[in-house]
Amino acid sequence: MRSRRTIFLLPVLFMLPLQAEELRVMSFNVRYPSKGDGPNQWEYRRDLLVETVRQKNPDVMGTQELYYEQGQYIVEKLPEYTWFGLSRRGNHEDEHMGVFYRKDKLKLLDSGNFWLSETPEKPGSDAWGMSLPRMVTWGLFEINASKKKFYFYNTHFPHRPIDEAARVKCAELIRSRLAKLPPDVPVVITGDFNTNAGNEPYRILTNGYKDTWESAEKRSGPTGTFHGFKGQPSSSRIDWILWRGPWKALVAETIADGKDGRWPSDHFPVFAVFRLP
C-alpha cells in the first residue's frame, strides 16, 4: 500500500511549477560622512541606513558617495554582504562607487573601475569641466543557484547645474563601454545621475535599455529621489535602475521611510525586483 501511494505522488510532484528565480537590486546614494550635516551626520543615521538595507534585502546594491569607513560599517552590521570598489582617487580615500552583494546568492567573477574622462583607465582623471573626478565601478556576477551571469555597472554623474554637457559625455562614454559587452548577458545599471529622467543623458542610456520605474508591474513611493534630509522629495528623479536583457521588472520602489524625523540619507534609495527566465 505504501509503495503504491509513493508511485501515485511522483507524477504530481513533477507537475508542480518551479519557483521563478528573482534578483533584488538597490541603488543608494548614502551621503558621505560630513561633520557639516549636524543631526544628520553619519553616526546618527548609520543604523537606520543599515536597517533600510536589511528590510529590503537586495542581492546586489550600487552605492554612491560611499566612504571606506561607511562600507566597512555596513558589512560589519550585515555580514551576509561583502563589497568592492576603489575611490575616485584610485585608492580608499574619498568617494567610492561601492558595490555590495550577498555572498550566499552571488559570485563575483570579474570587476573593475573606469573614470568618466578622456583617459578612462587613469585613476582620478576628469574632463569636460567637471569639479571632481567621476567614475564607474562594475562587476560580472554569477547567480549561485542557476549559474546565470549578469553585468552590474554603478556610477555617480557630476552634480552642478552647469554640468549637463559633461553628463551627456559621461553617458556617451558608458554606452560605448556597454556596447562592447556580450549581447547575450544581461546588464544592470545603477546610479545617481544628477539629471532628471527624460533629459539627454537618460535618453542616451535608455537607448536599448529599460527603466525599472517605467516598466515594473508594481510601482510605489514618490517619483523624486533627492530630499536633502527633509523627507519631501524634489520633483526630479535622478536615481535610476536600468537594465537590458530578458528579465521582467516586477517591482520598482522609491523607499521614503524615515524614523523620528530622520532619514538614512539625503537621497531616497531606489529598489527593484526582477524575475529571471
Protein backbone atom coordinates (compact mmCIF):
# COMPACT_ATOMS: atom_id res chain seq x y z
CA MET A 1 0.00 0.00 0.00
CA ARG A 2 2.78 2.43 0.91
CA SER A 3 4.64 1.79 -2.36
CA ARG A 4 1.50 2.40 -4.49
CA ARG A 5 0.94 5.80 -2.77
CA THR A 6 4.53 6.79 -3.48
CA ILE A 7 4.18 5.89 -7.15
CA PHE A 8 0.96 7.95 -7.36
CA LEU A 9 2.55 11.07 -5.84
CA LEU A 10 5.65 11.20 -8.03
CA PRO A 11 3.93 12.46 -11.23
CA VAL A 12 2.13 15.13 -9.19
CA LEU A 13 5.41 16.42 -7.79
CA PHE A 14 6.93 16.67 -11.25
CA MET A 15 3.92 18.71 -12.41
CA LEU A 16 4.36 21.41 -9.73
CA PRO A 17 5.76 24.64 -11.23
CA LEU A 18 9.29 25.56 -10.26
CA GLN A 19 9.58 28.79 -8.30
CA ALA A 20 10.75 31.61 -10.57
CA GLU A 21 14.17 32.99 -9.83
CA GLU A 22 14.28 36.63 -8.70
CA LEU A 23 17.01 39.23 -8.32
CA ARG A 24 16.67 42.15 -5.89
CA VAL A 25 18.58 45.33 -6.76
CA MET A 26 19.09 48.61 -4.90
CA SER A 27 20.75 51.92 -5.75
CA PHE A 28 21.62 54.08 -2.75
CA ASN A 29 23.38 57.44 -2.51
CA VAL A 30 24.41 57.07 1.13
CA ARG A 31 25.71 60.66 1.62
CA TYR A 32 29.34 60.93 2.65
CA PRO A 33 30.21 61.41 6.37
CA SER A 34 30.15 65.22 6.63
CA LYS A 35 30.50 66.96 10.00
CA GLY A 36 28.50 69.81 8.48
CA ASP A 37 25.37 67.65 8.46
CA GLY A 38 24.74 68.30 12.17
CA PRO A 39 21.95 65.99 13.37
CA ASN A 40 22.15 64.12 10.06
CA GLN A 41 25.80 63.14 10.45
CA TRP A 42 26.69 59.57 9.56
CA GLU A 43 26.97 58.47 13.20
CA TYR A 44 23.34 59.40 13.85
CA ARG A 45 21.80 57.75 10.80
CA ARG A 46 24.04 54.80 10.01
CA ASP A 47 21.95 52.23 11.86
CA LEU A 48 18.82 53.46 10.11
CA LEU A 49 20.61 53.03 6.79
CA VAL A 50 21.66 49.50 7.74
CA GLU A 51 18.08 48.69 8.75
CA THR A 52 16.79 50.03 5.41
CA VAL A 53 19.10 47.67 3.54
CA ARG A 54 18.23 44.77 5.85
CA GLN A 55 14.49 45.22 5.30
CA LYS A 56 14.74 45.26 1.50
CA ASN A 57 17.41 42.56 1.42
CA PRO A 58 18.90 43.37 -2.01
CA ASP A 59 21.03 40.73 -3.65
CA VAL A 60 23.21 43.48 -5.14
CA MET A 61 23.40 47.18 -4.33
CA GLY A 62 25.21 50.05 -6.02
CA THR A 63 26.14 52.94 -3.72
CA GLN A 64 27.28 56.48 -4.35
CA GLU A 65 29.16 58.91 -2.07
CA LEU A 66 30.34 55.91 -0.06
CA TYR A 67 33.45 56.34 2.05
CA TYR A 68 35.51 53.35 3.09
CA GLU A 69 34.51 53.63 6.75
CA GLN A 70 30.85 53.54 5.74
CA GLY A 71 31.32 50.47 3.59
CA GLN A 72 33.08 48.66 6.41
CA TYR A 73 30.36 49.58 8.88
CA ILE A 74 27.63 48.25 6.58
CA VAL A 75 29.26 44.83 6.13
CA GLU A 76 30.11 44.67 9.85
CA LYS A 77 26.42 45.02 10.66
CA LEU A 78 25.27 42.95 7.67
CA PRO A 79 27.87 40.16 7.44
CA GLU A 80 25.91 38.36 4.73
CA TYR A 81 27.25 41.07 2.38
CA THR A 82 30.66 41.92 1.04
CA TRP A 83 31.66 44.88 -1.12
CA PHE A 84 34.27 46.09 -3.59
CA GLY A 85 35.38 49.27 -5.33
CA LEU A 86 38.01 52.00 -5.35
CA SER A 87 37.57 55.67 -4.59
CA ARG A 88 37.52 58.37 -7.23
CA ARG A 89 41.24 58.92 -6.45
CA GLY A 90 42.05 55.28 -7.19
CA ASN A 91 42.59 54.33 -3.55
CA HIS A 92 40.36 54.17 -0.46
CA GLU A 93 40.33 57.92 0.20
CA ASP A 94 37.28 59.93 -0.88
CA GLU A 95 34.08 58.72 -2.54
CA HIS A 96 33.64 55.11 -3.72
CA MET A 97 31.11 53.62 -6.12
CA GLY A 98 30.95 50.67 -3.74
CA VAL A 99 29.05 47.59 -4.92
CA PHE A 100 27.61 45.30 -2.23
CA TYR A 101 26.33 41.79 -2.82
CA ARG A 102 25.05 38.79 -0.87
CA LYS A 103 27.72 36.12 -0.74
CA ASP A 104 25.15 33.33 -0.47
CA LYS A 105 23.34 34.48 -3.63
CA LEU A 106 26.04 35.77 -5.98
CA LYS A 107 29.60 35.02 -7.00
CA LEU A 108 31.83 37.83 -8.32
CA LEU A 109 33.63 36.60 -11.44
CA ASP A 110 35.32 39.84 -12.51
CA SER A 111 35.30 43.51 -11.59
CA GLY A 112 36.92 46.82 -12.39
CA ASN A 113 36.74 50.59 -12.48
CA PHE A 114 36.98 53.26 -15.12
CA TRP A 115 36.84 57.01 -14.96
CA LEU A 116 34.44 59.29 -16.79
CA SER A 117 37.06 61.24 -18.66
CA GLU A 118 39.07 61.22 -21.87
CA THR A 119 41.54 58.88 -20.12
CA PRO A 120 39.17 56.34 -18.52
CA GLU A 121 41.89 53.98 -17.29
CA LYS A 122 43.70 56.74 -15.36
CA PRO A 123 42.59 56.84 -11.70
CA GLY A 124 41.47 60.27 -10.56
CA SER A 125 41.16 61.66 -14.08
CA ASP A 126 38.41 64.11 -15.01
CA ALA A 127 37.35 66.14 -18.04
CA TRP A 128 34.66 68.34 -19.58
CA GLY A 129 34.91 70.98 -16.86
CA MET A 130 33.75 68.71 -14.01
CA SER A 131 34.66 69.86 -10.49
CA LEU A 132 35.52 66.33 -9.31
CA PRO A 133 36.58 63.01 -10.85
CA ARG A 134 33.66 60.74 -11.66
CA MET A 135 33.77 57.01 -12.29
CA VAL A 136 32.10 53.64 -12.79
CA THR A 137 32.63 50.51 -10.70
CA TRP A 138 31.46 47.33 -12.40
CA GLY A 139 31.20 43.63 -11.73
CA LEU A 140 30.41 40.44 -13.61
CA PHE A 141 28.28 38.23 -11.38
CA GLU A 142 27.13 34.64 -11.45
CA ILE A 143 23.98 33.60 -9.58
CA ASN A 144 24.98 30.69 -7.38
CA ALA A 145 21.79 28.66 -7.82
CA SER A 146 21.31 28.88 -11.59
CA LYS A 147 24.80 29.86 -12.80
CA LYS A 148 23.24 32.68 -14.84
CA LYS A 149 25.53 35.68 -15.36
CA PHE A 150 24.95 39.42 -15.50
CA TYR A 151 26.98 42.63 -15.56
CA PHE A 152 26.44 45.37 -13.00
CA TYR A 153 27.53 48.99 -13.59
CA ASN A 154 27.33 51.64 -10.84
CA THR A 155 28.06 55.36 -11.25
CA HIS A 156 27.61 58.94 -9.99
CA PHE A 157 27.43 61.79 -12.52
CA PRO A 158 28.63 65.38 -11.91
CA HIS A 159 26.24 67.39 -9.78
CA ARG A 160 26.27 71.07 -10.76
CA PRO A 161 23.59 72.61 -13.00
CA ILE A 162 26.33 73.72 -15.40
CA ASP A 163 27.50 70.10 -15.82
CA GLU A 164 24.73 68.91 -18.16
CA ALA A 165 27.05 68.81 -21.17
CA ALA A 166 29.52 66.80 -19.06
CA ARG A 167 26.74 64.43 -18.01
CA VAL A 168 25.99 63.84 -21.69
CA LYS A 169 29.67 62.97 -22.24
CA CYS A 170 29.58 60.62 -19.25
CA ALA A 171 26.52 58.83 -20.64
CA GLU A 172 28.13 58.51 -24.07
CA LEU A 173 31.28 57.01 -22.57
CA ILE A 174 29.30 54.46 -20.57
CA ARG A 175 27.28 53.50 -23.64
CA SER A 176 30.48 52.97 -25.62
CA ARG A 177 31.66 50.57 -22.90
CA LEU A 178 28.33 48.78 -22.72
CA ALA A 179 28.40 48.24 -26.49
CA LYS A 180 31.47 46.02 -26.04
CA LEU A 181 29.76 43.61 -23.62
CA PRO A 182 28.46 40.22 -24.83
CA PRO A 183 24.95 40.86 -26.17
CA ASP A 184 23.52 37.71 -24.58
CA VAL A 185 24.50 38.65 -21.00
CA PRO A 186 22.02 40.88 -19.10
CA VAL A 187 23.26 44.23 -17.76
CA VAL A 188 22.04 46.32 -14.80
CA ILE A 189 22.99 49.99 -14.39
CA THR A 190 22.53 51.85 -11.10
CA GLY A 191 23.47 55.36 -10.16
CA ASP A 192 22.83 58.91 -9.08
CA PHE A 193 22.78 60.64 -12.45
CA ASN A 194 22.12 64.18 -11.17
CA THR A 195 19.75 64.88 -14.04
CA ASN A 196 16.05 64.25 -14.38
CA ALA A 197 14.83 61.14 -16.17
CA GLY A 198 13.95 62.19 -19.71
CA ASN A 199 16.90 64.51 -20.21
CA GLU A 200 19.61 63.78 -22.78
CA PRO A 201 21.83 61.56 -20.57
CA TYR A 202 18.77 59.46 -19.78
CA ARG A 203 17.84 59.15 -23.46
CA ILE A 204 21.37 58.01 -24.27
CA LEU A 205 21.43 55.34 -21.56
CA THR A 206 17.90 54.06 -22.21
CA ASN A 207 18.56 53.50 -25.91
CA GLY A 208 18.24 49.74 -25.81
CA TYR A 209 17.85 49.67 -22.01
CA LYS A 210 14.70 49.76 -19.88
CA ASP A 211 13.95 51.83 -16.79
CA THR A 212 12.51 49.85 -13.88
CA TRP A 213 10.42 52.82 -12.74
CA GLU A 214 8.69 52.97 -16.11
CA SER A 215 8.47 49.23 -16.75
CA ALA A 216 7.73 47.47 -13.47
CA GLU A 217 4.41 45.75 -12.87
CA LYS A 218 4.16 47.43 -9.46
CA ARG A 219 5.49 50.90 -8.61
CA SER A 220 5.43 52.65 -5.23
CA GLY A 221 6.89 55.68 -3.46
CA PRO A 222 7.50 59.22 -4.66
CA THR A 223 8.86 60.00 -8.10
CA GLY A 224 11.54 62.39 -6.85
CA THR A 225 14.58 60.82 -5.18
CA PHE A 226 16.52 63.73 -3.59
CA HIS A 227 15.09 65.30 -0.44
CA GLY A 228 18.02 66.90 1.43
CA PHE A 229 17.18 65.19 4.75
CA LYS A 230 13.74 66.83 4.78
CA GLY A 231 11.65 63.86 3.68
CA GLN A 232 9.95 65.92 0.95
CA PRO A 233 11.39 64.93 -2.43
CA SER A 234 12.14 67.28 -5.26
CA SER A 235 10.28 66.71 -8.50
CA SER A 236 13.34 65.29 -10.26
CA ARG A 237 14.00 61.55 -10.49
CA ILE A 238 17.80 61.48 -10.56
CA ASP A 239 18.46 57.96 -9.17
CA TRP A 240 17.73 55.14 -11.61
CA ILE A 241 17.94 51.39 -12.09
CA LEU A 242 18.19 50.47 -15.78
CA TRP A 243 18.60 47.07 -17.39
CA ARG A 244 18.99 45.13 -20.60
CA GLY A 245 18.04 41.50 -21.10
CA PRO A 246 15.13 39.06 -20.95
CA TRP A 247 14.28 39.81 -17.31
CA LYS A 248 10.91 41.14 -16.18
CA ALA A 249 10.70 44.04 -13.70
CA LEU A 250 8.18 43.09 -11.05
CA VAL A 251 8.68 45.91 -8.53
CA ALA A 252 10.08 49.43 -8.61
CA GLU A 253 10.11 51.39 -5.35
CA THR A 254 11.41 54.70 -4.09
CA ILE A 255 11.98 53.98 -0.39
CA ALA A 256 10.87 57.08 1.53
CA ASP A 257 10.87 55.56 5.02
CA GLY A 258 12.27 57.58 7.90
CA LYS A 259 12.18 57.33 11.67
CA ASP A 260 11.64 60.06 14.27
CA GLY A 261 12.24 62.81 11.73
CA ARG A 262 15.48 61.27 10.47
CA TRP A 263 16.27 59.54 7.17
CA PRO A 264 19.14 57.21 6.25
CA SER A 265 20.45 59.64 3.60
CA ASP A 266 19.63 62.85 1.75
CA HIS A 267 18.53 60.67 -1.18
CA PHE A 268 15.76 58.09 -1.08
CA PRO A 269 17.19 54.73 -2.19
CA VAL A 270 15.55 53.07 -5.18
CA PHE A 271 14.79 49.38 -5.32
CA ALA A 272 13.72 46.85 -7.94
CA VAL A 273 12.84 43.17 -8.13
CA PHE A 274 13.40 41.24 -11.36
CA ARG A 275 12.02 37.88 -12.41
CA LEU A 276 14.58 35.89 -14.36
CA PRO A 277 13.60 33.46 -17.12
